[in-house]
Amino acid sequence: MENKRRTGTLCVFLAAVLYSIGGLCIKLIPWGGMAINGARTAIALVVIGAYLAVIRHPLRFNRWVAVGALSIFGTNALFSVANKLTTAANTIVLQFTAPIFVILLSVVFWKRRPQKLDCGIVFGGVLFFFADSLEMGGGLGNVLALLSGVAYAGVFLMNEMPDSDAISSVFWGDVLSAVTGLPFLLGEEKLEPIALTSLLVLGVFQVAVAYILLTIGLKTTPPVTASLVSGIEPVLNPILVAVFYGEKMGPMALVGAAIVIGGVVGYNVIRARQSTESSVSSNFSE
């Protein structure tokens, strides 16, 4: 059992690393966000379809799989469009507010009372991004990035939904992304080698392989652990863009990034400690 958990955690970590290349690759493609998303998910569908055939996993579809698919679609599309309207750093860090929306959605739909921890610090960090956008532009991109965080929360909650099937949701979400995005390719004319290479990397690795690894990892990795491990993504993403694309973050956004990342990771660390202490107390009382 312990080995399965370690393997699951490794899968979540590798998925987060692959997700982190999204900002750079999208910046390198001179197309609109919807066109990029349509093309990369069309490529991803080939890989995911082959994976389903190999493991002989039948595709499922019901209302809960559909809700998961909409979450996948929202995450993919909003992330791609936001990356074209604001900095990659703003996009990924604002999307990293997803754990907070997981808490809020759990309260609304599953009536789960949140822990007595103040999450306001994370939203305070978000405000720094919008203050920074007043000087650098990208206000709409920041809004869309924040909405992608809401959609991403739905991705983490896929396994919590009754009669759900995460990999089927990923497949149908990519179908929706491809169908809505591919028509936008008709208006794109720049087909440089670097753009096509980046698109292939996005489709195969940043979407298909990453989501496959995530669905595998979440089967054995506790949500708290998965959230902590996924924290590598908002750290690597802006670093890659800064090094290879030359895009810098504004001073206010840097402060906001520190607050958001520190707040979310800190929140999960505290919850992990509380969970451990609760388990130890329970065992001791027995």
C-alpha atoms as a PDB file:
ATOM      1  CA  MET A   1       0.000   0.000   0.000  1.00  0.00           C
ATOM      2  CA  GLU A   2       2.834   2.363   0.884  1.00  0.00           C
ATOM      3  CA  ASN A   3       4.515   1.694  -2.458  1.00  0.00           C
ATOM      4  CA  LYS A   4       1.257   2.511  -4.278  1.00  0.00           C
ATOM      5  CA  ARG A   5       1.012   5.815  -2.414  1.00  0.00           C
ATOM      6  CA  ARG A   6       4.587   6.701  -3.314  1.00  0.00           C
ATOM      7  CA  THR A   7       3.949   5.849  -6.950  1.00  0.00           C
ATOM      8  CA  GLY A   8       0.766   7.927  -6.890  1.00  0.00           C
ATOM      9  CA  THR A   9       2.571  10.903  -5.370  1.00  0.00           C
ATOM     10  CA  LEU A  10       5.291  10.601  -8.015  1.00  0.00           C
ATOM     11  CA  CYS A  11       2.616  10.623 -10.742  1.00  0.00           C
ATOM     12  CA  VAL A  12       1.067  13.808  -9.315  1.00  0.00           C
ATOM     13  CA  PHE A  13       4.515  15.435  -9.134  1.00  0.00           C
ATOM     14  CA  LEU A  14       5.362  14.522 -12.739  1.00  0.00           C
ATOM     15  CA  ALA A  15       1.951  15.791 -13.875  1.00  0.00           C
ATOM     16  CA  ALA A  16       2.615  19.147 -12.168  1.00  0.00           C
ATOM     17  CA  VAL A  17       6.029  19.390 -13.860  1.00  0.00           C
ATOM     18  CA  LEU A  18       4.445  18.739 -17.257  1.00  0.00           C
ATOM     19  CA  TYR A  19       1.680  21.283 -16.589  1.00  0.00           C
ATOM     20  CA  SER A  20       4.355  23.888 -15.828  1.00  0.00           C
ATOM     21  CA  ILE A  21       5.608  23.945 -19.443  1.00  0.00           C
ATOM     22  CA  GLY A  22       2.219  25.216 -20.631  1.00  0.00           C
ATOM     23  CA  GLY A  23       2.907  28.917 -20.123  1.00  0.00           C
ATOM     24  CA  LEU A  24       6.140  28.860 -22.144  1.00  0.00           C
ATOM     25  CA  CYS A  25       4.801  26.762 -25.020  1.00  0.00           C
ATOM     26  CA  ILE A  26       1.657  28.892 -25.364  1.00  0.00           C
ATOM     27  CA  LYS A  27       3.755  32.067 -25.448  1.00  0.00           C
ATOM     28  CA  LEU A  28       5.873  30.576 -28.265  1.00  0.00           C
ATOM     29  CA  ILE A  29       2.833  29.960 -30.484  1.00  0.00           C
ATOM     30  CA  PRO A  30       1.675  33.153 -32.306  1.00  0.00           C
ATOM     31  CA  TRP A  31      -1.987  32.126 -32.373  1.00  0.00           C
ATOM     32  CA  GLY A  32      -5.036  33.035 -30.360  1.00  0.00           C
ATOM     33  CA  GLY A  33      -5.724  31.152 -27.154  1.00  0.00           C
ATOM     34  CA  MET A  34      -8.779  29.251 -28.449  1.00  0.00           C
ATOM     35  CA  ALA A  35      -6.924  28.099 -31.565  1.00  0.00           C
ATOM     36  CA  ILE A  36      -4.040  26.825 -29.451  1.00  0.00           C
ATOM     37  CA  ASN A  37      -6.373  25.038 -27.074  1.00  0.00           C
ATOM     38  CA  GLY A  38      -8.306  23.417 -29.920  1.00  0.00           C
ATOM     39  CA  ALA A  39      -5.172  22.151 -31.619  1.00  0.00           C
ATOM     40  CA  ARG A  40      -3.400  20.891 -28.500  1.00  0.00           C
ATOM     41  CA  THR A  41      -6.455  19.007 -27.227  1.00  0.00           C
ATOM     42  CA  ALA A  42      -7.040  17.454 -30.665  1.00  0.00           C
ATOM     43  CA  ILE A  43      -3.511  16.039 -30.438  1.00  0.00           C
ATOM     44  CA  ALA A  44      -4.114  14.996 -26.829  1.00  0.00           C
ATOM     45  CA  LEU A  45      -7.236  13.057 -27.838  1.00  0.00           C
ATOM     46  CA  VAL A  46      -5.135  10.735 -29.992  1.00  0.00           C
ATOM     47  CA  VAL A  47      -2.825   9.946 -27.072  1.00  0.00           C
ATOM     48  CA  ILE A  48      -5.630   9.556 -24.510  1.00  0.00           C
ATOM     49  CA  GLY A  49      -7.662   7.422 -26.912  1.00  0.00           C
ATOM     50  CA  ALA A  50      -4.661   5.124 -27.406  1.00  0.00           C
ATOM     51  CA  TYR A  51      -4.167   4.953 -23.622  1.00  0.00           C
ATOM     52  CA  LEU A  52      -7.807   3.967 -23.070  1.00  0.00           C
ATOM     53  CA  ALA A  53      -7.486   1.270 -25.729  1.00  0.00           C
ATOM     54  CA  VAL A  54      -4.317  -0.138 -24.160  1.00  0.00           C
ATOM     55  CA  ILE A  55      -5.770  -0.350 -20.634  1.00  0.00           C
ATOM     56  CA  ARG A  56      -9.137  -1.440 -22.078  1.00  0.00           C
ATOM     57  CA  HIS A  57     -11.030   1.200 -20.143  1.00  0.00           C
ATOM     58  CA  PRO A  58     -14.526   1.767 -21.578  1.00  0.00           C
ATOM     59  CA  LEU A  59     -15.585   5.361 -22.082  1.00  0.00           C
ATOM     60  CA  ARG A  60     -18.384   6.406 -19.774  1.00  0.00           C
ATOM     61  CA  PHE A  61     -20.794   9.317 -19.936  1.00  0.00           C
ATOM     62  CA  ASN A  62     -23.304  10.518 -17.384  1.00  0.00           C
ATOM     63  CA  ARG A  63     -24.139  13.867 -15.812  1.00  0.00           C
ATOM     64  CA  TRP A  64     -21.260  13.681 -13.333  1.00  0.00           C
ATOM     65  CA  VAL A  65     -18.757  12.738 -16.031  1.00  0.00           C
ATOM     66  CA  ALA A  66     -20.170  15.709 -17.972  1.00  0.00           C
ATOM     67  CA  VAL A  67     -19.589  18.048 -15.013  1.00  0.00           C
ATOM     68  CA  GLY A  68     -16.005  16.830 -14.850  1.00  0.00           C
ATOM     69  CA  ALA A  69     -15.640  17.321 -18.613  1.00  0.00           C
ATOM     70  CA  LEU A  70     -16.854  20.916 -18.324  1.00  0.00           C
ATOM     71  CA  SER A  71     -14.258  21.475 -15.596  1.00  0.00           C
ATOM     72  CA  ILE A  72     -11.525  20.100 -17.867  1.00  0.00           C
ATOM     73  CA  PHE A  73     -12.738  22.262 -20.762  1.00  0.00           C
ATOM     74  CA  GLY A  74     -12.900  25.395 -18.597  1.00  0.00           C
ATOM     75  CA  THR A  75      -9.436  24.787 -17.189  1.00  0.00           C
ATOM     76  CA  ASN A  76      -7.893  24.227 -20.627  1.00  0.00           C
ATOM     77  CA  ALA A  77      -9.648  27.032 -22.509  1.00  0.00           C
ATOM     78  CA  LEU A  78      -9.443  29.748 -19.851  1.00  0.00           C
ATOM     79  CA  PHE A  79      -5.768  29.004 -19.187  1.00  0.00           C
ATOM     80  CA  SER A  80      -4.899  29.243 -22.890  1.00  0.00           C
ATOM     81  CA  VAL A  81      -6.788  32.494 -23.467  1.00  0.00           C
ATOM     82  CA  ALA A  82      -5.551  34.099 -20.227  1.00  0.00           C
ATOM     83  CA  ASN A  83      -1.935  33.356 -21.188  1.00  0.00           C
ATOM     84  CA  LYS A  84      -2.372  35.577 -24.242  1.00  0.00           C
ATOM     85  CA  LEU A  85      -3.912  38.459 -22.274  1.00  0.00           C
ATOM     86  CA  THR A  86      -1.690  38.617 -19.205  1.00  0.00           C
ATOM     87  CA  THR A  87       1.681  37.276 -18.080  1.00  0.00           C
ATOM     88  CA  ALA A  88       2.246  33.550 -17.744  1.00  0.00           C
ATOM     89  CA  ALA A  89       3.163  34.103 -14.087  1.00  0.00           C
ATOM     90  CA  ASN A  90      -0.123  35.866 -13.360  1.00  0.00           C
ATOM     91  CA  THR A  91      -2.051  33.137 -15.149  1.00  0.00           C
ATOM     92  CA  ILE A  92      -0.569  30.169 -13.318  1.00  0.00           C
ATOM     93  CA  VAL A  93      -0.509  31.731  -9.849  1.00  0.00           C
ATOM     94  CA  LEU A  94      -4.105  32.924 -10.136  1.00  0.00           C
ATOM     95  CA  GLN A  95      -5.085  29.447 -11.338  1.00  0.00           C
ATOM     96  CA  PHE A  96      -3.307  28.093  -8.259  1.00  0.00           C
ATOM     97  CA  THR A  97      -6.117  29.558  -6.131  1.00  0.00           C
ATOM     98  CA  ALA A  98      -7.984  26.341  -7.075  1.00  0.00           C
ATOM     99  CA  PRO A  99      -7.579  24.741  -3.597  1.00  0.00           C
ATOM    100  CA  ILE A 100      -9.496  27.664  -2.090  1.00  0.00           C
ATOM    101  CA  PHE A 101     -12.362  27.128  -4.518  1.00  0.00           C
ATOM    102  CA  VAL A 102     -12.260  23.410  -3.684  1.00  0.00           C
ATOM    103  CA  ILE A 103     -13.051  24.405  -0.092  1.00  0.00           C
ATOM    104  CA  LEU A 104     -15.854  26.759  -1.131  1.00  0.00           C
ATOM    105  CA  LEU A 105     -17.435  24.257  -3.526  1.00  0.00           C
ATOM    106  CA  SER A 106     -17.207  21.532  -0.881  1.00  0.00           C
ATOM    107  CA  VAL A 107     -19.136  23.765   1.510  1.00  0.00           C
ATOM    108  CA  VAL A 108     -21.833  24.570  -1.055  1.00  0.00           C
ATOM    109  CA  PHE A 109     -22.368  21.135  -2.620  1.00  0.00           C
ATOM    110  CA  TRP A 110     -21.184  18.655   0.015  1.00  0.00           C
ATOM    111  CA  LYS A 111     -21.978  20.736   3.118  1.00  0.00           C
ATOM    112  CA  ARG A 112     -18.466  20.173   4.450  1.00  0.00           C
ATOM    113  CA  ARG A 113     -17.474  22.721   7.041  1.00  0.00           C
ATOM    114  CA  PRO A 114     -14.043  24.217   6.299  1.00  0.00           C
ATOM    115  CA  GLN A 115     -11.258  24.095   8.854  1.00  0.00           C
ATOM    116  CA  LYS A 116     -10.861  27.153  11.062  1.00  0.00           C
ATOM    117  CA  LEU A 117      -8.070  28.556   8.919  1.00  0.00           C
ATOM    118  CA  ASP A 118      -8.091  32.004   7.360  1.00  0.00           C
ATOM    119  CA  CYS A 119      -7.930  31.776   3.563  1.00  0.00           C
ATOM    120  CA  GLY A 120      -8.309  35.521   3.155  1.00  0.00           C
ATOM    121  CA  ILE A 121      -4.538  35.866   2.787  1.00  0.00           C
ATOM    122  CA  VAL A 122      -4.727  34.088  -0.579  1.00  0.00           C
ATOM    123  CA  PHE A 123      -7.412  36.412  -1.871  1.00  0.00           C
ATOM    124  CA  GLY A 124      -5.316  39.293  -0.572  1.00  0.00           C
ATOM    125  CA  GLY A 125      -2.548  38.041  -2.828  1.00  0.00           C
ATOM    126  CA  VAL A 126      -4.952  37.946  -5.752  1.00  0.00           C
ATOM    127  CA  LEU A 127      -5.688  41.646  -5.216  1.00  0.00           C
ATOM    128  CA  PHE A 128      -1.998  42.423  -5.764  1.00  0.00           C
ATOM    129  CA  PHE A 129      -2.240  40.894  -9.243  1.00  0.00           C
ATOM    130  CA  PHE A 130      -5.149  43.111 -10.179  1.00  0.00           C
ATOM    131  CA  ALA A 131      -3.370  46.168  -8.750  1.00  0.00           C
ATOM    132  CA  ASP A 132      -0.342  45.225 -10.848  1.00  0.00           C
ATOM    133  CA  SER A 133      -2.492  44.808 -13.968  1.00  0.00           C
ATOM    134  CA  LEU A 134      -3.646  48.424 -13.680  1.00  0.00           C
ATOM    135  CA  GLU A 135      -0.074  49.450 -14.490  1.00  0.00           C
ATOM    136  CA  MET A 136       0.958  46.651 -16.868  1.00  0.00           C
ATOM    137  CA  GLY A 137      -2.355  45.770 -18.518  1.00  0.00           C
ATOM    138  CA  GLY A 138      -3.887  42.320 -18.531  1.00  0.00           C
ATOM    139  CA  GLY A 139      -6.888  42.930 -16.300  1.00  0.00           C
ATOM    140  CA  LEU A 140      -9.169  40.704 -18.403  1.00  0.00           C
ATOM    141  CA  GLY A 141      -6.478  38.033 -18.549  1.00  0.00           C
ATOM    142  CA  ASN A 142      -6.252  38.068 -14.755  1.00  0.00           C
ATOM    143  CA  VAL A 143     -10.022  37.631 -14.456  1.00  0.00           C
ATOM    144  CA  LEU A 144      -9.977  34.678 -16.860  1.00  0.00           C
ATOM    145  CA  ALA A 145      -7.013  33.162 -15.015  1.00  0.00           C
ATOM    146  CA  LEU A 146      -8.919  33.395 -11.746  1.00  0.00           C
ATOM    147  CA  LEU A 147     -11.933  31.728 -13.385  1.00  0.00           C
ATOM    148  CA  SER A 148      -9.607  28.961 -14.575  1.00  0.00           C
ATOM    149  CA  GLY A 149      -8.837  28.402 -10.895  1.00  0.00           C
ATOM    150  CA  VAL A 150     -12.547  27.808 -10.297  1.00  0.00           C
ATOM    151  CA  ALA A 151     -12.654  25.295 -13.169  1.00  0.00           C
ATOM    152  CA  TYR A 152      -9.454  23.637 -11.920  1.00  0.00           C
ATOM    153  CA  ALA A 153     -11.133  23.121  -8.555  1.00  0.00           C
ATOM    154  CA  GLY A 154     -13.740  21.054 -10.385  1.00  0.00           C
ATOM    155  CA  VAL A 155     -10.948  18.882 -11.787  1.00  0.00           C
ATOM    156  CA  PHE A 156      -9.708  18.059  -8.276  1.00  0.00           C
ATOM    157  CA  LEU A 157     -13.272  17.281  -7.205  1.00  0.00           C
ATOM    158  CA  MET A 158     -13.987  14.855 -10.066  1.00  0.00           C
ATOM    159  CA  ASN A 159     -13.400  11.805  -7.888  1.00  0.00           C
ATOM    160  CA  GLU A 160     -15.706  13.223  -5.209  1.00  0.00           C
ATOM    161  CA  MET A 161     -18.693  13.231  -7.544  1.00  0.00           C
ATOM    162  CA  PRO A 162     -21.027  10.204  -7.435  1.00  0.00           C
ATOM    163  CA  ASP A 163     -20.684   7.705 -10.279  1.00  0.00           C
ATOM    164  CA  SER A 164     -17.736   9.660 -11.704  1.00  0.00           C
ATOM    165  CA  ASP A 165     -14.930   8.485 -13.981  1.00  0.00           C
ATOM    166  CA  ALA A 166     -11.999  10.895 -14.135  1.00  0.00           C
ATOM    167  CA  ILE A 167     -10.317   9.650 -17.305  1.00  0.00           C
ATOM    168  CA  SER A 168     -13.634   9.698 -19.182  1.00  0.00           C
ATOM    169  CA  SER A 169     -14.150  13.300 -18.042  1.00  0.00           C
ATOM    170  CA  VAL A 170     -10.681  14.147 -19.350  1.00  0.00           C
ATOM    171  CA  PHE A 171     -11.493  12.589 -22.736  1.00  0.00           C
ATOM    172  CA  TRP A 172     -14.851  14.329 -23.169  1.00  0.00           C
ATOM    173  CA  GLY A 173     -13.429  17.600 -21.877  1.00  0.00           C
ATOM    174  CA  ASP A 174     -10.757  17.441 -24.560  1.00  0.00           C
ATOM    175  CA  VAL A 175     -13.396  16.625 -27.179  1.00  0.00           C
ATOM    176  CA  LEU A 176     -15.273  19.787 -26.202  1.00  0.00           C
ATOM    177  CA  SER A 177     -12.042  21.797 -26.241  1.00  0.00           C
ATOM    178  CA  ALA A 178     -11.131  20.529 -29.717  1.00  0.00           C
ATOM    179  CA  VAL A 179     -14.599  21.080 -31.186  1.00  0.00           C
ATOM    180  CA  THR A 180     -14.840  24.659 -29.903  1.00  0.00           C
ATOM    181  CA  GLY A 181     -11.221  25.571 -30.581  1.00  0.00           C
ATOM    182  CA  LEU A 182     -10.341  24.077 -33.972  1.00  0.00           C
ATOM    183  CA  PRO A 183     -12.559  26.503 -35.963  1.00  0.00           C
ATOM    184  CA  PHE A 184     -10.347  29.333 -34.692  1.00  0.00           C
ATOM    185  CA  LEU A 185      -7.402  27.735 -36.545  1.00  0.00           C
ATOM    186  CA  LEU A 186      -8.922  28.858 -39.842  1.00  0.00           C
ATOM    187  CA  GLY A 187      -7.848  32.421 -39.116  1.00  0.00           C
ATOM    188  CA  GLU A 188      -4.257  31.517 -38.214  1.00  0.00           C
ATOM    189  CA  GLU A 189      -1.564  31.717 -40.890  1.00  0.00           C
ATOM    190  CA  LYS A 190       1.767  31.612 -39.037  1.00  0.00           C
ATOM    191  CA  LEU A 191       2.972  27.998 -39.040  1.00  0.00           C
ATOM    192  CA  GLU A 192       6.610  28.357 -37.979  1.00  0.00           C
ATOM    193  CA  PRO A 193       8.499  25.195 -36.913  1.00  0.00           C
ATOM    194  CA  ILE A 194       8.860  26.417 -33.319  1.00  0.00           C
ATOM    195  CA  ALA A 195       5.091  26.950 -33.081  1.00  0.00           C
ATOM    196  CA  LEU A 196       4.296  23.492 -34.448  1.00  0.00           C
ATOM    197  CA  THR A 197       6.878  21.873 -32.156  1.00  0.00           C
ATOM    198  CA  SER A 198       5.484  23.715 -29.140  1.00  0.00           C
ATOM    199  CA  LEU A 199       1.963  22.630 -30.126  1.00  0.00           C
ATOM    200  CA  LEU A 200       3.040  18.988 -30.303  1.00  0.00           C
ATOM    201  CA  VAL A 201       4.706  19.230 -26.889  1.00  0.00           C
ATOM    202  CA  LEU A 202       1.552  20.808 -25.452  1.00  0.00           C
ATOM    203  CA  GLY A 203      -0.778  18.168 -26.859  1.00  0.00           C
ATOM    204  CA  VAL A 204       1.255  15.077 -26.061  1.00  0.00           C
ATOM    205  CA  PHE A 205       2.899  16.000 -22.766  1.00  0.00           C
ATOM    206  CA  GLN A 206       1.298  19.076 -21.172  1.00  0.00           C
ATOM    207  CA  VAL A 207      -2.275  17.859 -21.761  1.00  0.00           C
ATOM    208  CA  ALA A 208      -2.465  14.116 -22.499  1.00  0.00           C
ATOM    209  CA  VAL A 209       0.367  12.584 -20.467  1.00  0.00           C
ATOM    210  CA  ALA A 210      -0.068  15.087 -17.617  1.00  0.00           C
ATOM    211  CA  TYR A 211      -3.797  14.361 -17.207  1.00  0.00           C
ATOM    212  CA  ILE A 212      -3.200  10.607 -17.452  1.00  0.00           C
ATOM    213  CA  LEU A 213      -0.597  10.837 -14.686  1.00  0.00           C
ATOM    214  CA  LEU A 214      -2.886  13.012 -12.571  1.00  0.00           C
ATOM    215  CA  THR A 215      -5.835  10.606 -12.820  1.00  0.00           C
ATOM    216  CA  ILE A 216      -3.535   7.724 -11.854  1.00  0.00           C
ATOM    217  CA  GLY A 217      -1.946   9.631  -9.001  1.00  0.00           C
ATOM    218  CA  LEU A 218      -5.189  10.842  -7.432  1.00  0.00           C
ATOM    219  CA  LYS A 219      -6.346   7.246  -6.981  1.00  0.00           C
ATOM    220  CA  THR A 220      -3.823   6.672  -4.184  1.00  0.00           C
ATOM    221  CA  THR A 221      -2.605  10.148  -3.235  1.00  0.00           C
ATOM    222  CA  PRO A 222      -4.540  12.018  -0.520  1.00  0.00           C
ATOM    223  CA  PRO A 223      -5.881  15.404  -1.697  1.00  0.00           C
ATOM    224  CA  VAL A 224      -3.728  17.328   0.801  1.00  0.00           C
ATOM    225  CA  THR A 225      -0.561  15.611  -0.397  1.00  0.00           C
ATOM    226  CA  ALA A 226      -1.556  16.148  -4.030  1.00  0.00           C
ATOM    227  CA  SER A 227      -2.087  19.869  -3.393  1.00  0.00           C
ATOM    228  CA  LEU A 228       1.335  20.193  -1.787  1.00  0.00           C
ATOM    229  CA  VAL A 229       3.095  18.308  -4.565  1.00  0.00           C
ATOM    230  CA  SER A 230       1.265  20.327  -7.241  1.00  0.00           C
ATOM    231  CA  GLY A 231       2.785  23.476  -5.738  1.00  0.00           C
ATOM    232  CA  ILE A 232       5.810  22.931  -7.986  1.00  0.00           C
ATOM    233  CA  GLU A 233       3.769  24.062 -11.014  1.00  0.00           C
ATOM    234  CA  PRO A 234       3.314  27.787 -10.198  1.00  0.00           C
ATOM    235  CA  VAL A 235       6.994  27.934  -9.254  1.00  0.00           C
ATOM    236  CA  LEU A 236       8.397  26.348 -12.413  1.00  0.00           C
ATOM    237  CA  ASN A 237       5.978  27.964 -14.887  1.00  0.00           C
ATOM    238  CA  PRO A 238       7.069  31.626 -14.540  1.00  0.00           C
ATOM    239  CA  ILE A 239      10.724  30.622 -14.217  1.00  0.00           C
ATOM    240  CA  LEU A 240      10.633  28.812 -17.573  1.00  0.00           C
ATOM    241  CA  VAL A 241       8.870  31.748 -19.243  1.00  0.00           C
ATOM    242  CA  ALA A 242      11.301  34.267 -17.746  1.00  0.00           C
ATOM    243  CA  VAL A 243      14.380  32.275 -18.793  1.00  0.00           C
ATOM    244  CA  PHE A 244      13.333  31.222 -22.301  1.00  0.00           C
ATOM    245  CA  TYR A 245      10.847  33.949 -23.284  1.00  0.00           C
ATOM    246  CA  GLY A 246      12.105  36.951 -21.310  1.00  0.00           C
ATOM    247  CA  GLU A 247       8.750  37.810 -19.715  1.00  0.00           C
ATOM    248  CA  LYS A 248       9.088  39.426 -16.291  1.00  0.00           C
ATOM    249  CA  MET A 249       6.636  39.886 -13.448  1.00  0.00           C
ATOM    250  CA  GLY A 250       5.765  43.309 -12.068  1.00  0.00           C
ATOM    251  CA  PRO A 251       6.760  44.109  -8.443  1.00  0.00           C
ATOM    252  CA  MET A 252       3.151  43.979  -7.199  1.00  0.00           C
ATOM    253  CA  ALA A 253       2.618  40.642  -8.949  1.00  0.00           C
ATOM    254  CA  LEU A 254       5.776  39.257  -7.296  1.00  0.00           C
ATOM    255  CA  VAL A 255       4.349  40.149  -3.889  1.00  0.00           C
ATOM    256  CA  GLY A 256       1.018  38.604  -4.882  1.00  0.00           C
ATOM    257  CA  ALA A 257       2.732  35.412  -6.066  1.00  0.00           C
ATOM    258  CA  ALA A 258       4.547  35.032  -2.759  1.00  0.00           C
ATOM    259  CA  ILE A 259       1.294  35.548  -0.855  1.00  0.00           C
ATOM    260  CA  VAL A 260      -0.771  33.172  -2.995  1.00  0.00           C
ATOM    261  CA  ILE A 261       1.784  30.354  -3.160  1.00  0.00           C
ATOM    262  CA  GLY A 262       2.802  30.763   0.475  1.00  0.00           C
ATOM    263  CA  GLY A 263      -0.821  30.989   1.593  1.00  0.00           C
ATOM    264  CA  VAL A 264      -2.038  27.910  -0.288  1.00  0.00           C
ATOM    265  CA  VAL A 265       0.974  25.754   0.592  1.00  0.00           C
ATOM    266  CA  GLY A 266       0.899  26.971   4.186  1.00  0.00           C
ATOM    267  CA  TYR A 267      -2.799  26.194   4.409  1.00  0.00           C
ATOM    268  CA  ASN A 268      -2.221  22.650   3.222  1.00  0.00           C
ATOM    269  CA  VAL A 269       0.752  22.138   5.560  1.00  0.00           C
ATOM    270  CA  ILE A 270      -1.382  23.161   8.533  1.00  0.00           C
ATOM    271  CA  ARG A 271      -4.218  20.889   7.426  1.00  0.00           C
ATOM    272  CA  ALA A 272      -1.769  17.995   7.002  1.00  0.00           C
ATOM    273  CA  ARG A 273      -0.442  18.536  10.529  1.00  0.00           C
ATOM    274  CA  GLN A 274      -3.951  18.724  11.943  1.00  0.00           C
ATOM    275  CA  SER A 275      -4.890  15.512  10.148  1.00  0.00           C
ATOM    276  CA  THR A 276      -1.784  13.751  11.504  1.00  0.00           C
ATOM    277  CA  GLU A 277      -2.391  14.971  15.045  1.00  0.00           C
ATOM    278  CA  SER A 278      -6.024  13.880  14.823  1.00  0.00           C
ATOM    279  CA  SER A 279      -4.968  10.417  13.633  1.00  0.00           C
ATOM    280  CA  VAL A 280      -2.388  10.074  16.406  1.00  0.00           C
ATOM    281  CA  SER A 281      -4.924  11.165  19.040  1.00  0.00           C
ATOM    282  CA  SER A 282      -7.464   8.673  17.708  1.00  0.00           C
ATOM    283  CA  ASN A 283      -4.974   5.816  17.835  1.00  0.00           C
ATOM    284  CA  PHE A 284      -3.851   6.798  21.327  1.00  0.00           C
ATOM    285  CA  SER A 285      -7.433   6.875  22.631  1.00  0.00           C
ATOM    286  CA  GLU A 286      -7.975   3.374  21.292  1.00  0.00           C
END
